[in-house]
């Protein structure tokens, strides 16, 4: 008899909606843990019977095989769908996704997996325990995301939100990929805005040349603007600083002017900005009502935000999302620090007294969704967690989550010799930013505490988070 893994979770929606969520494009991306990175090589767009997907298991994702080929062998809405491994790391793998009613407007999701390890697996008992621990971490993550996503979409529907057509620039970035998947699983029709020749359902633009396909933009209900040169992609030469500024201002103004010129075009623009708008301010508590700073990045953010004014002047509802340091093991500050902390070489930067305005990727996505669907909201909102921490506290919490010491202080001189002028605003600036208007507008954070956010994205849940809900 094959080993069996079962996890059940109560969902805040009827089973028909829970099943439909899994059928929509983006579900696979939403359910893939960032600590078990997997890349889709083909398929994964449908769970219809006979559909196949080929997945590439990236380093750290799987036990043996770099590829996993799966086939859907049963599609019985809204009760069940089943996929099985055709080839991959297991000798056998059959995964049943079952949905049962739990009253009038709730349901129960059960993931039921039967599997068999490859013949000759060394240390079979130990390997079996390792597989179960991996499955526990993976499905605990998947169920947390499923419950929270379904609850967010249900809340939006209860407020009268209907499916929208949404154009998204910068959709291939960390935030863009996560947001597109979230919106699509919620039933929204998402159109990527791309610089390359557009495929079906995409919108072409060339911001450096001042071109955008306004006709394709016209049917949209809303635009999310995320595009911009990464600020940490290279040393800050004068040329790089020019690219950082113009990649934001040119594209933003082009979009804003195009929207302003469409009488029957999209009426909502949610545009990215950064908390560097405020500049380094020590222990000062900063909210959306605080004045801008006076350094390079503060000036970039101010001009970036000002570039949305043509849309606002034309009556478009404009929301500016000033985003903090996004916590993801795939990209950004956390990803760069992880190898050192895992080796026991992590620690605070400098004195460690500078404030870190962190935010989980799930909450950044949630705040963009909140901005899109909250009619009364306009102007700047901070995408930062309600509990900022000092850099020393950040290092302490990350070390505790990883089970590693975090006592190696990093002086300013070393990073500055390697990275130049960007080091001070990126590593040693102090930004105690609070999401005052975000909270006032009704947004509820999924991850208000740093430890909870890090445990979620790093697959280090507490024993309580690993507890399974028994099937009724």
Protein backbone atom coordinates (compact mmCIF):
# COMPACT_ATOMS: atom_id res chain seq x y z
CA UNK A 1 0.00 0.00 0.00
CA UNK A 2 1.39 3.41 -0.99
CA UNK A 3 2.02 6.06 1.69
CA UNK A 4 -0.74 8.66 1.85
CA UNK A 5 -0.75 12.32 2.82
CA UNK A 6 -4.04 14.09 3.61
CA UNK A 7 -4.68 17.72 4.62
CA UNK A 8 -8.10 19.37 4.90
CA UNK A 9 -8.97 23.05 5.35
CA UNK A 10 -12.24 24.90 5.67
CA UNK A 11 -12.77 27.57 3.02
CA UNK A 12 -14.85 30.77 3.34
CA UNK A 13 -16.77 30.22 0.07
CA UNK A 14 -19.10 27.57 -1.43
CA UNK A 15 -17.37 24.66 -3.11
CA UNK A 16 -18.44 25.84 -6.58
CA UNK A 17 -16.42 29.04 -6.14
CA UNK A 18 -13.48 27.18 -4.57
CA UNK A 19 -13.39 24.77 -7.51
CA UNK A 20 -13.68 27.64 -10.02
CA UNK A 21 -10.73 29.40 -8.35
CA UNK A 22 -8.57 26.33 -9.02
CA UNK A 23 -9.72 26.21 -12.66
CA UNK A 24 -8.66 29.76 -13.50
CA UNK A 25 -5.29 30.79 -14.94
CA UNK A 26 -2.91 31.82 -12.20
CA UNK A 27 -3.93 29.18 -9.63
CA UNK A 28 -0.73 27.18 -10.11
CA UNK A 29 1.39 30.31 -9.59
CA UNK A 30 -0.56 31.26 -6.48
CA UNK A 31 -0.09 27.79 -5.00
CA UNK A 32 3.65 27.47 -5.70
CA UNK A 33 5.63 28.13 -2.49
CA UNK A 34 8.52 30.56 -2.97
CA UNK A 35 10.69 28.25 -0.86
CA UNK A 36 10.08 25.41 -3.36
CA UNK A 37 10.56 27.33 -6.62
CA UNK A 38 9.06 25.70 -9.71
CA UNK A 39 9.02 27.00 -13.27
CA UNK A 40 6.33 26.07 -15.80
CA UNK A 41 7.84 24.87 -19.08
CA UNK A 42 4.50 24.05 -20.69
CA UNK A 43 0.85 23.58 -19.79
CA UNK A 44 -0.59 24.41 -16.33
CA UNK A 45 -3.27 26.65 -17.88
CA UNK A 46 -6.14 24.19 -17.37
CA UNK A 47 -7.12 21.28 -15.17
CA UNK A 48 -9.36 19.68 -17.79
CA UNK A 49 -9.07 15.91 -18.09
CA UNK A 50 -6.14 14.95 -20.31
CA UNK A 51 -4.29 18.25 -19.88
CA UNK A 52 -0.59 17.95 -19.12
CA UNK A 53 2.01 20.24 -17.62
CA UNK A 54 5.79 20.07 -17.54
CA UNK A 55 7.40 21.73 -14.56
CA UNK A 56 11.06 22.41 -13.93
CA UNK A 57 12.10 22.06 -10.31
CA UNK A 58 14.56 24.83 -9.54
CA UNK A 59 17.40 24.38 -7.01
CA UNK A 60 15.96 23.62 -3.60
CA UNK A 61 12.54 22.61 -4.93
CA UNK A 62 12.63 18.85 -5.31
CA UNK A 63 14.41 15.65 -4.32
CA UNK A 64 15.84 14.25 -7.56
CA UNK A 65 14.41 14.99 -10.96
CA UNK A 66 14.78 18.49 -12.42
CA UNK A 67 11.50 18.01 -14.30
CA UNK A 68 8.02 16.89 -13.34
CA UNK A 69 5.48 15.93 -15.97
CA UNK A 70 1.91 15.69 -14.68
CA UNK A 71 -1.40 14.77 -16.32
CA UNK A 72 -4.93 15.57 -15.16
CA UNK A 73 -6.89 12.31 -15.20
CA UNK A 74 -10.21 13.41 -13.67
CA UNK A 75 -12.17 16.67 -13.83
CA UNK A 76 -15.48 16.46 -11.97
CA UNK A 77 -16.64 19.98 -11.03
CA UNK A 78 -17.36 21.06 -8.38
CA UNK A 79 -16.46 17.91 -6.49
CA UNK A 80 -12.99 16.75 -7.48
CA UNK A 81 -10.07 16.85 -9.87
CA UNK A 82 -7.11 14.48 -9.96
CA UNK A 83 -3.62 14.74 -11.39
CA UNK A 84 -0.89 12.12 -11.51
CA UNK A 85 2.82 12.11 -12.20
CA UNK A 86 3.81 10.85 -15.65
CA UNK A 87 7.51 11.27 -14.92
CA UNK A 88 9.44 12.97 -12.17
CA UNK A 89 10.98 12.53 -8.73
CA UNK A 90 8.56 9.88 -7.38
CA UNK A 91 7.97 6.32 -8.46
CA UNK A 92 4.25 7.11 -8.27
CA UNK A 93 2.23 10.21 -7.36
CA UNK A 94 -1.55 10.63 -7.45
CA UNK A 95 -3.04 13.86 -6.11
CA UNK A 96 -6.79 14.15 -5.46
CA UNK A 97 -8.24 17.62 -4.83
CA UNK A 98 -11.66 17.14 -3.19
CA UNK A 99 -14.27 19.81 -2.42
CA UNK A 100 -17.18 19.24 -0.02
CA UNK A 101 -19.96 21.55 1.11
CA UNK A 102 -19.74 22.84 4.69
CA UNK A 103 -23.01 24.67 5.15
CA UNK A 104 -24.61 27.21 2.84
CA UNK A 105 -21.63 29.39 1.95
CA UNK A 106 -18.56 27.46 3.11
CA UNK A 107 -16.71 24.35 1.98
CA UNK A 108 -13.84 22.01 2.79
CA UNK A 109 -10.80 21.46 0.59
CA UNK A 110 -8.95 18.16 0.98
CA UNK A 111 -5.64 17.43 -0.67
CA UNK A 112 -5.20 13.64 -0.71
CA UNK A 113 -1.86 12.44 -2.08
CA UNK A 114 -0.74 8.83 -2.59
CA UNK A 115 2.91 8.46 -3.48
CA UNK A 116 5.77 5.99 -3.63
CA UNK A 117 9.47 6.79 -3.41
CA UNK A 118 11.82 5.52 -6.12
CA UNK A 119 13.15 2.00 -5.71
CA UNK A 120 16.49 1.88 -3.94
CA UNK A 121 16.03 5.22 -2.18
CA UNK A 122 18.75 5.41 0.46
CA UNK A 123 17.54 5.52 4.05
CA UNK A 124 13.93 4.84 3.11
CA UNK A 125 12.54 5.63 6.58
CA UNK A 126 14.47 8.88 6.85
CA UNK A 127 13.63 9.77 3.25
CA UNK A 128 9.94 9.10 3.93
CA UNK A 129 9.99 11.42 6.95
CA UNK A 130 11.75 14.10 4.92
CA UNK A 131 9.07 13.84 2.21
CA UNK A 132 6.28 14.16 4.78
CA UNK A 133 7.90 17.23 6.31
CA UNK A 134 8.22 18.75 2.83
CA UNK A 135 4.58 17.98 2.06
CA UNK A 136 3.51 19.48 5.39
CA UNK A 137 5.33 22.73 4.61
CA UNK A 138 4.06 22.86 1.04
CA UNK A 139 0.40 22.16 1.73
CA UNK A 140 0.30 24.37 4.83
CA UNK A 141 1.47 27.21 2.58
CA UNK A 142 -0.97 26.35 -0.20
CA UNK A 143 -3.94 26.20 2.16
CA UNK A 144 -3.07 29.51 3.84
CA UNK A 145 -2.90 31.22 0.44
CA UNK A 146 -6.10 29.56 -0.82
CA UNK A 147 -8.11 30.60 2.24
CA UNK A 148 -6.81 34.19 2.21
CA UNK A 149 -7.21 34.69 -1.56
CA UNK A 150 -10.75 33.32 -1.57
CA UNK A 151 -11.65 35.52 1.40
CA UNK A 152 -10.27 38.65 -0.32
CA UNK A 153 -12.17 38.01 -3.54
CA UNK A 154 -15.36 37.18 -1.63
CA UNK A 155 -15.03 40.42 0.34
CA UNK A 156 -14.63 42.41 -2.88
CA UNK A 157 -17.74 40.78 -4.38
CA UNK A 158 -19.69 41.59 -1.21
CA UNK A 159 -18.75 45.28 -1.80
CA UNK A 160 -20.21 45.10 -5.30
CA UNK A 161 -16.96 44.56 -7.22
CA UNK A 162 -17.50 42.78 -10.54
CA UNK A 163 -14.83 41.29 -12.84
CA UNK A 164 -12.73 43.99 -14.47
CA UNK A 165 -10.46 44.33 -17.47
CA UNK A 166 -7.09 45.40 -16.09
CA UNK A 167 -3.91 46.38 -17.95
CA UNK A 168 -0.64 45.79 -16.06
CA UNK A 169 2.80 47.18 -16.90
CA UNK A 170 5.88 45.59 -15.33
CA UNK A 171 3.97 42.31 -15.18
CA UNK A 172 7.09 40.13 -15.41
CA UNK A 173 8.58 41.47 -12.17
CA UNK A 174 8.22 39.99 -8.70
CA UNK A 175 5.13 42.04 -7.78
CA UNK A 176 3.69 41.93 -11.31
CA UNK A 177 3.75 38.14 -11.63
CA UNK A 178 2.12 37.66 -8.24
CA UNK A 179 -0.52 40.35 -8.87
CA UNK A 180 -1.46 39.03 -12.32
CA UNK A 181 -1.97 35.51 -10.93
CA UNK A 182 -4.03 36.84 -8.00
CA UNK A 183 -6.28 38.95 -10.22
CA UNK A 184 -6.85 36.16 -12.73
CA UNK A 185 -7.85 33.63 -10.08
CA UNK A 186 -10.35 36.23 -8.88
CA UNK A 187 -12.02 36.23 -12.30
CA UNK A 188 -10.52 39.47 -13.63
CA UNK A 189 -9.38 39.76 -17.26
CA UNK A 190 -5.71 40.83 -17.13
CA UNK A 191 -3.82 42.21 -20.12
CA UNK A 192 -0.05 42.54 -19.87
CA UNK A 193 1.46 45.75 -21.27
CA UNK A 194 4.71 44.71 -22.99
CA UNK A 195 7.64 46.29 -24.85
CA UNK A 196 8.11 43.34 -27.24
CA UNK A 197 5.63 42.66 -30.08
CA UNK A 198 2.37 41.91 -28.22
CA UNK A 199 0.76 38.49 -28.34
CA UNK A 200 -3.00 37.89 -28.22
CA UNK A 201 -4.49 39.66 -25.21
CA UNK A 202 -1.44 41.88 -24.62
CA UNK A 203 -0.99 45.61 -25.15
CA UNK A 204 2.11 47.02 -26.83
CA UNK A 205 4.02 50.09 -25.75
CA UNK A 206 7.45 51.64 -26.24
CA UNK A 207 7.76 54.24 -23.49
CA UNK A 208 11.21 55.42 -24.60
CA UNK A 209 9.67 56.34 -27.96
CA UNK A 210 6.47 57.78 -26.49
CA UNK A 211 4.26 55.07 -28.03
CA UNK A 212 1.37 53.10 -26.54
CA UNK A 213 -1.49 51.26 -28.22
CA UNK A 214 -4.28 53.56 -27.01
CA UNK A 215 -6.93 51.61 -28.95
CA UNK A 216 -6.07 48.45 -26.99
CA UNK A 217 -6.06 50.45 -23.76
CA UNK A 218 -9.53 51.91 -24.36
CA UNK A 219 -11.62 48.84 -23.29
CA UNK A 220 -9.77 48.51 -19.97
CA UNK A 221 -11.46 49.38 -16.69
CA UNK A 222 -8.20 50.01 -14.84
CA UNK A 223 -4.43 50.20 -15.27
CA UNK A 224 -1.78 49.04 -12.81
CA UNK A 225 1.61 50.61 -13.50
CA UNK A 226 4.62 48.76 -12.06
CA UNK A 227 7.33 49.25 -14.70
CA UNK A 228 10.67 50.86 -13.81
CA UNK A 229 14.42 50.24 -13.82
CA UNK A 230 15.45 48.33 -10.62
CA UNK A 231 17.23 50.75 -8.31
CA UNK A 232 19.80 48.13 -7.22
CA UNK A 233 20.64 46.76 -10.68
CA UNK A 234 24.06 48.44 -10.88
CA UNK A 235 26.36 51.08 -9.40
CA UNK A 236 24.87 54.56 -9.48
CA UNK A 237 26.76 56.25 -12.26
CA UNK A 238 25.18 59.43 -13.59
CA UNK A 239 23.90 57.41 -16.57
CA UNK A 240 22.34 54.76 -14.31
CA UNK A 241 20.67 57.43 -12.20
CA UNK A 242 19.23 58.96 -15.37
CA UNK A 243 17.83 55.56 -16.39
CA UNK A 244 16.32 55.03 -12.95
CA UNK A 245 14.53 58.38 -13.15
CA UNK A 246 13.44 58.34 -16.79
CA UNK A 247 12.26 54.71 -16.74
CA UNK A 248 9.69 55.85 -14.19
CA UNK A 249 8.72 59.32 -15.30
CA UNK A 250 8.53 58.71 -19.07
CA UNK A 251 6.37 55.59 -18.85
CA UNK A 252 4.13 57.02 -16.14
CA UNK A 253 3.48 60.26 -18.02
CA UNK A 254 2.84 58.35 -21.25
CA UNK A 255 0.22 56.20 -19.54
CA UNK A 256 -1.35 59.13 -17.70
CA UNK A 257 -1.62 61.22 -20.87
CA UNK A 258 -3.01 58.29 -22.87
CA UNK A 259 -5.68 57.68 -20.21
CA UNK A 260 -6.48 61.39 -20.03
CA UNK A 261 -7.06 61.42 -23.78
CA UNK A 262 -9.59 58.56 -23.72
CA UNK A 263 -13.06 59.82 -22.82
CA UNK A 264 -14.33 56.24 -22.52
CA UNK A 265 -11.07 54.62 -21.38
CA UNK A 266 -9.97 53.21 -18.00
CA UNK A 267 -11.03 55.31 -15.04
CA UNK A 268 -8.59 53.95 -12.44
CA UNK A 269 -4.77 54.17 -12.39
CA UNK A 270 -2.86 52.43 -9.59
CA UNK A 271 0.76 53.48 -9.95
CA UNK A 272 3.84 52.29 -8.10
CA UNK A 273 6.14 54.47 -6.04
CA UNK A 274 8.50 53.82 -3.13
CA UNK A 275 8.89 54.68 0.53
CA UNK A 276 12.16 56.38 -0.40
CA UNK A 277 9.81 59.30 -1.18
CA UNK A 278 10.25 60.28 2.49
CA UNK A 279 14.05 60.18 2.63
CA UNK A 280 16.04 58.93 5.62
CA UNK A 281 14.43 60.46 8.72
CA UNK A 282 15.84 58.60 11.74
CA UNK A 283 13.18 57.70 14.33
CA UNK A 284 10.50 60.02 12.91
CA UNK A 285 7.16 58.29 12.32
CA UNK A 286 6.27 58.78 8.66
CA UNK A 287 2.81 58.47 7.14
CA UNK A 288 1.28 59.32 3.77
CA UNK A 289 0.81 62.87 5.06
CA UNK A 290 4.56 63.38 5.72
CA UNK A 291 6.61 65.67 3.49
CA UNK A 292 9.04 64.30 0.89
CA UNK A 293 12.76 63.90 1.50
CA UNK A 294 15.54 65.70 -0.35
CA UNK A 295 17.92 62.96 -1.58
CA UNK A 296 18.15 61.31 -5.02
CA UNK A 297 15.60 58.54 -4.47
CA UNK A 298 13.15 60.93 -2.78
CA UNK A 299 13.38 63.18 -5.83
CA UNK A 300 12.85 60.19 -8.16
CA UNK A 301 9.72 59.18 -6.25
CA UNK A 302 8.36 62.74 -6.22
CA UNK A 303 8.79 63.16 -9.99
CA UNK A 304 7.44 59.63 -10.55
CA UNK A 305 4.26 60.46 -8.66
CA UNK A 306 3.92 63.89 -10.28
CA UNK A 307 3.92 62.19 -13.70
CA UNK A 308 0.45 60.73 -12.94
CA UNK A 309 -1.07 64.23 -12.80
CA UNK A 310 -2.47 64.28 -16.39
CA UNK A 311 -4.70 61.33 -15.50
CA UNK A 312 -5.79 62.81 -12.16
CA UNK A 313 -6.49 66.19 -13.80
CA UNK A 314 -8.75 64.41 -16.33
CA UNK A 315 -10.84 62.85 -13.55
CA UNK A 316 -9.18 59.42 -13.43
CA UNK A 317 -9.03 57.97 -9.91
CA UNK A 318 -5.30 57.71 -9.18
CA UNK A 319 -3.81 55.72 -6.30
CA UNK A 320 -0.06 55.86 -5.60
CA UNK A 321 1.35 52.79 -3.81
CA UNK A 322 4.54 53.64 -1.91
CA UNK A 323 6.07 50.21 -1.40
CA UNK A 324 8.54 49.19 1.30
CA UNK A 325 11.09 46.37 1.28
CA UNK A 326 9.24 43.35 -0.13
CA UNK A 327 10.02 40.08 1.63
CA UNK A 328 10.66 37.27 -0.85
CA UNK A 329 13.34 34.56 -0.99
CA UNK A 330 13.26 34.86 -4.78
CA UNK A 331 14.31 38.47 -5.25
CA UNK A 332 15.31 41.62 -3.43
CA UNK A 333 16.92 42.31 -0.07
CA UNK A 334 15.84 39.09 1.65
CA UNK A 335 17.07 36.92 -1.22
CA UNK A 336 20.49 38.59 -1.10
CA UNK A 337 20.83 38.12 2.66
CA UNK A 338 19.64 34.53 2.93
CA UNK A 339 22.90 32.77 1.93
CA UNK A 340 24.80 34.65 4.66
CA UNK A 341 22.17 34.06 7.34
CA UNK A 342 21.86 30.37 6.46
CA UNK A 343 25.63 30.06 6.84
CA UNK A 344 25.46 31.71 10.26
CA UNK A 345 27.16 34.87 8.94
CA UNK A 346 24.20 37.22 9.07
CA UNK A 347 23.78 40.24 11.26
CA UNK A 348 22.82 43.90 11.49
CA UNK A 349 24.07 46.61 9.14
CA UNK A 350 26.16 49.20 10.96
CA UNK A 351 24.62 50.21 14.29
CA UNK A 352 21.37 48.40 13.45
CA UNK A 353 19.37 51.33 14.83
CA UNK A 354 18.00 52.33 11.41
CA UNK A 355 14.34 51.48 10.78
CA UNK A 356 13.31 48.92 8.16
CA UNK A 357 9.87 49.36 6.56
CA UNK A 358 9.29 45.80 5.35
CA UNK A 359 6.15 44.28 3.80
CA UNK A 360 5.15 40.80 2.66
CA UNK A 361 4.62 40.16 -1.05
CA UNK A 362 1.10 38.91 -0.25
CA UNK A 363 0.26 42.26 1.33
CA UNK A 364 1.68 44.27 -1.56
CA UNK A 365 -0.58 42.27 -3.89
CA UNK A 366 -3.46 42.72 -1.47
CA UNK A 367 -2.96 46.49 -1.29
CA UNK A 368 -2.95 46.82 -5.09
CA UNK A 369 -6.18 44.79 -5.22
CA UNK A 370 -7.61 46.98 -2.44
CA UNK A 371 -6.67 50.12 -4.38
CA UNK A 372 -8.29 48.81 -7.55
CA UNK A 373 -11.55 47.86 -5.84
CA UNK A 374 -12.03 50.67 -3.27
CA UNK A 375 -13.82 53.51 -5.06
CA UNK A 376 -13.32 56.02 -2.27
CA UNK A 377 -9.54 55.59 -2.23
CA UNK A 378 -7.21 57.96 -4.10
CA UNK A 379 -3.82 59.55 -3.57
CA UNK A 380 -0.84 57.95 -1.80
CA UNK A 381 -1.03 54.81 0.34
CA UNK A 382 1.91 53.11 2.02
CA UNK A 383 2.48 49.43 1.25
CA UNK A 384 4.41 48.76 4.44
CA UNK A 385 3.59 46.50 7.37
CA UNK A 386 2.06 48.20 10.41
CA UNK A 387 4.99 47.10 12.59
CA UNK A 388 8.33 48.37 11.20
CA UNK A 389 11.44 47.09 12.99
CA UNK A 390 15.00 48.26 13.44
CA UNK A 391 17.65 46.61 11.32
CA UNK A 392 19.06 44.89 14.40
CA UNK A 393 15.63 43.45 15.24
CA UNK A 394 15.18 42.35 11.61
CA UNK A 395 18.45 40.40 11.75
CA UNK A 396 17.47 38.84 15.07
CA UNK A 397 14.07 37.69 13.79
CA UNK A 398 15.46 36.32 10.52
CA UNK A 399 18.12 34.39 12.42
CA UNK A 400 15.48 32.96 14.77
CA UNK A 401 13.23 31.86 11.89
CA UNK A 402 16.16 30.12 10.18
CA UNK A 403 17.51 28.67 13.42
CA UNK A 404 20.88 30.36 12.87
CA UNK A 405 22.93 32.91 14.84
CA UNK A 406 22.73 36.47 13.55
CA UNK A 407 25.56 38.19 15.39
CA UNK A 408 27.96 39.28 12.62
CA UNK A 409 27.69 43.08 12.30
CA UNK A 410 28.37 44.42 8.80
CA UNK A 411 30.20 47.79 8.83
CA UNK A 412 29.33 50.47 6.30
CA UNK A 413 32.77 50.47 4.64
CA UNK A 414 32.66 46.98 3.08
CA UNK A 415 29.36 47.30 1.15
CA UNK A 416 30.20 50.89 0.18
CA UNK A 417 33.46 49.79 -1.45
CA UNK A 418 31.56 47.19 -3.51
CA UNK A 419 28.33 49.01 -4.37
CA UNK A 420 29.21 52.68 -4.12
CA UNK A 421 26.74 55.50 -3.44
CA UNK A 422 23.64 53.28 -3.47
CA UNK A 423 24.62 51.63 -0.18
CA UNK A 424 23.55 54.45 2.16
CA UNK A 425 19.96 54.86 0.90
CA UNK A 426 19.44 51.12 0.42
CA UNK A 427 21.09 49.61 3.51
CA UNK A 428 21.75 52.34 6.06
CA UNK A 429 18.86 54.79 5.65
CA UNK A 430 16.25 54.89 8.41
CA UNK A 431 12.60 54.86 7.29
CA UNK A 432 9.99 54.36 10.00
CA UNK A 433 7.04 54.32 7.60
CA UNK A 434 3.52 53.50 8.81
CA UNK A 435 0.53 52.58 6.57
CA UNK A 436 -1.89 55.08 8.13
CA UNK A 437 -4.17 55.73 5.12
CA UNK A 438 -3.94 52.08 4.07
CA UNK A 439 -5.40 51.01 7.41
CA UNK A 440 -7.89 53.90 7.51
CA UNK A 441 -9.26 52.80 4.13
CA UNK A 442 -10.09 49.35 5.53
CA UNK A 443 -7.20 47.19 4.39
CA UNK A 444 -6.47 44.23 6.72
CA UNK A 445 -2.91 42.90 6.63
CA UNK A 446 -2.29 39.20 6.15
CA UNK A 447 1.15 39.48 7.72
CA UNK A 448 1.29 42.32 10.26
CA UNK A 449 4.37 40.88 12.04
CA UNK A 450 7.82 40.25 10.58
CA UNK A 451 8.20 36.78 12.06
CA UNK A 452 4.88 35.62 10.64
CA UNK A 453 5.76 36.96 7.20
CA UNK A 454 9.21 35.35 7.16
CA UNK A 455 7.89 32.01 8.39
CA UNK A 456 5.30 32.08 5.59
CA UNK A 457 7.66 32.85 2.69
CA UNK A 458 10.55 30.70 3.95
CA UNK A 459 8.43 27.64 4.72
CA UNK A 460 9.28 27.72 8.42
CA UNK A 461 5.77 27.60 9.93
CA UNK A 462 5.11 27.17 13.62
CA UNK A 463 3.63 23.92 14.91
CA UNK A 464 0.23 25.63 15.04
CA UNK A 465 0.44 26.62 11.39
CA UNK A 466 1.26 23.01 10.49
CA UNK A 467 -1.80 21.61 12.27
CA UNK A 468 -4.25 19.98 9.91
CA UNK A 469 -7.99 20.55 10.00
CA UNK A 470 -9.72 17.16 10.16
CA UNK A 471 -12.16 16.36 7.38
CA UNK A 472 -15.76 16.53 8.68
